[in-house]
Amino acid sequence: MNPPKKGPVRTAKGVFDAWEKRTELVKLQTNAESAANDAKTIRLKALRLEKEKQDAIEAAANPPPPTPAKKRAPKRIVAG
């Protein structure tokens, strides 16, 4: 005679329930990762905007020196 099996009985409902449980766990994990990624994106965007603001203030306070006008080279006529 066979010894009794350990674990859940393999029925259609048991397999479906196990699949449903795994699917729910994956959804929860992806939602948590998405929320963490969104929070990181928001934080980095705030840092970038603050840096751009600081750079704009610094650029307004210290404008770059004017560049000297470049002299145009005379056109050369080539006899052909």
C-alpha atoms as a PDB file:
ATOM      1  CA  MET A   1       0.000   0.000   0.000  1.00  0.00           C
ATOM      2  CA  ASN A   2       1.195   3.532  -0.777  1.00  0.00           C
ATOM      3  CA  PRO A   3       2.124   5.865   2.084  1.00  0.00           C
ATOM      4  CA  PRO A   4      -0.095   8.957   2.450  1.00  0.00           C
ATOM      5  CA  LYS A   5       1.039  12.005   0.492  1.00  0.00           C
ATOM      6  CA  LYS A   6       2.365  15.050   2.266  1.00  0.00           C
ATOM      7  CA  GLY A   7       1.186  18.466   1.202  1.00  0.00           C
ATOM      8  CA  PRO A   8      -1.929  19.662  -0.622  1.00  0.00           C
ATOM      9  CA  VAL A   9      -3.992  17.294  -2.678  1.00  0.00           C
ATOM     10  CA  ARG A  10      -3.529  17.848  -6.401  1.00  0.00           C
ATOM     11  CA  THR A  11      -6.977  18.785  -7.544  1.00  0.00           C
ATOM     12  CA  ALA A  12      -7.955  21.332 -10.134  1.00  0.00           C
ATOM     13  CA  LYS A  13      -9.042  23.728  -7.403  1.00  0.00           C
ATOM     14  CA  GLY A  14      -5.795  23.204  -5.466  1.00  0.00           C
ATOM     15  CA  VAL A  15      -3.666  23.940  -8.523  1.00  0.00           C
ATOM     16  CA  PHE A  16      -5.771  26.984  -9.367  1.00  0.00           C
ATOM     17  CA  ASP A  17      -5.527  28.288  -5.795  1.00  0.00           C
ATOM     18  CA  ALA A  18      -1.736  27.891  -5.804  1.00  0.00           C
ATOM     19  CA  TRP A  19      -1.521  29.708  -9.149  1.00  0.00           C
ATOM     20  CA  GLU A  20      -3.787  32.468  -7.876  1.00  0.00           C
ATOM     21  CA  LYS A  21      -1.692  32.863  -4.711  1.00  0.00           C
ATOM     22  CA  ARG A  22       1.562  33.127  -6.705  1.00  0.00           C
ATOM     23  CA  THR A  23      -0.037  35.616  -9.094  1.00  0.00           C
ATOM     24  CA  GLU A  24      -1.192  37.782  -6.188  1.00  0.00           C
ATOM     25  CA  LEU A  25       2.285  37.718  -4.622  1.00  0.00           C
ATOM     26  CA  VAL A  26       3.878  38.761  -7.929  1.00  0.00           C
ATOM     27  CA  LYS A  27       1.380  41.611  -8.300  1.00  0.00           C
ATOM     28  CA  LEU A  28       2.096  42.821  -4.765  1.00  0.00           C
ATOM     29  CA  GLN A  29       5.836  42.673  -5.397  1.00  0.00           C
ATOM     30  CA  THR A  30       5.623  44.568  -8.697  1.00  0.00           C
ATOM     31  CA  ASN A  31       3.369  47.192  -7.108  1.00  0.00           C
ATOM     32  CA  ALA A  32       5.869  47.671  -4.278  1.00  0.00           C
ATOM     33  CA  GLU A  33       8.761  47.973  -6.738  1.00  0.00           C
ATOM     34  CA  SER A  34       6.763  50.429  -8.842  1.00  0.00           C
ATOM     35  CA  ALA A  35       5.962  52.572  -5.790  1.00  0.00           C
ATOM     36  CA  ALA A  36       9.627  52.589  -4.763  1.00  0.00           C
ATOM     37  CA  ASN A  37      10.666  53.531  -8.299  1.00  0.00           C
ATOM     38  CA  ASP A  38       8.075  56.332  -8.416  1.00  0.00           C
ATOM     39  CA  ALA A  39       9.316  57.714  -5.087  1.00  0.00           C
ATOM     40  CA  LYS A  40      12.907  57.635  -6.326  1.00  0.00           C
ATOM     41  CA  THR A  41      11.902  59.394  -9.550  1.00  0.00           C
ATOM     42  CA  ILE A  42      10.077  62.135  -7.642  1.00  0.00           C
ATOM     43  CA  ARG A  43      13.082  62.648  -5.343  1.00  0.00           C
ATOM     44  CA  LEU A  44      15.525  62.827  -8.242  1.00  0.00           C
ATOM     45  CA  LYS A  45      13.274  65.241 -10.153  1.00  0.00           C
ATOM     46  CA  ALA A  46      13.121  67.541  -7.120  1.00  0.00           C
ATOM     47  CA  LEU A  47      16.907  67.437  -6.818  1.00  0.00           C
ATOM     48  CA  ARG A  48      17.341  68.194 -10.524  1.00  0.00           C
ATOM     49  CA  LEU A  49      14.921  71.129 -10.407  1.00  0.00           C
ATOM     50  CA  GLU A  50      16.698  72.531  -7.340  1.00  0.00           C
ATOM     51  CA  LYS A  51      20.073  72.248  -9.099  1.00  0.00           C
ATOM     52  CA  GLU A  52      18.711  73.931 -12.224  1.00  0.00           C
ATOM     53  CA  LYS A  53      17.353  76.736 -10.041  1.00  0.00           C
ATOM     54  CA  GLN A  54      20.748  77.160  -8.335  1.00  0.00           C
ATOM     55  CA  ASP A  55      22.520  77.130 -11.701  1.00  0.00           C
ATOM     56  CA  ALA A  56      20.141  79.770 -13.073  1.00  0.00           C
ATOM     57  CA  ILE A  57      20.757  82.019 -10.047  1.00  0.00           C
ATOM     58  CA  GLU A  58      24.508  81.557 -10.382  1.00  0.00           C
ATOM     59  CA  ALA A  59      24.425  82.246 -14.132  1.00  0.00           C
ATOM     60  CA  ALA A  60      22.411  85.443 -13.543  1.00  0.00           C
ATOM     61  CA  ALA A  61      24.864  86.593 -10.880  1.00  0.00           C
ATOM     62  CA  ASN A  62      27.964  85.754 -12.934  1.00  0.00           C
ATOM     63  CA  PRO A  63      27.264  86.247 -16.630  1.00  0.00           C
ATOM     64  CA  PRO A  64      29.903  84.803 -18.945  1.00  0.00           C
ATOM     65  CA  PRO A  65      32.307  87.324 -20.527  1.00  0.00           C
ATOM     66  CA  PRO A  66      31.366  88.382 -24.044  1.00  0.00           C
ATOM     67  CA  THR A  67      33.117  86.445 -26.747  1.00  0.00           C
ATOM     68  CA  PRO A  68      35.269  88.490 -29.132  1.00  0.00           C
ATOM     69  CA  ALA A  69      33.908  88.863 -32.646  1.00  0.00           C
ATOM     70  CA  LYS A  70      35.600  86.564 -35.107  1.00  0.00           C
ATOM     71  CA  LYS A  71      37.135  88.101 -38.185  1.00  0.00           C
ATOM     72  CA  ARG A  72      35.965  86.703 -41.442  1.00  0.00           C
ATOM     73  CA  ALA A  73      38.595  85.291 -43.712  1.00  0.00           C
ATOM     74  CA  PRO A  74      38.649  87.020 -47.103  1.00  0.00           C
ATOM     75  CA  LYS A  75      37.230  84.999 -49.956  1.00  0.00           C
ATOM     76  CA  ARG A  76      39.838  83.686 -52.293  1.00  0.00           C
ATOM     77  CA  ILE A  77      39.225  83.690 -55.979  1.00  0.00           C
ATOM     78  CA  VAL A  78      40.651  80.650 -57.697  1.00  0.00           C
ATOM     79  CA  ALA A  79      41.190  80.918 -61.417  1.00  0.00           C
ATOM     80  CA  GLY A  80      39.844  77.865 -63.055  1.00  0.00           C
END
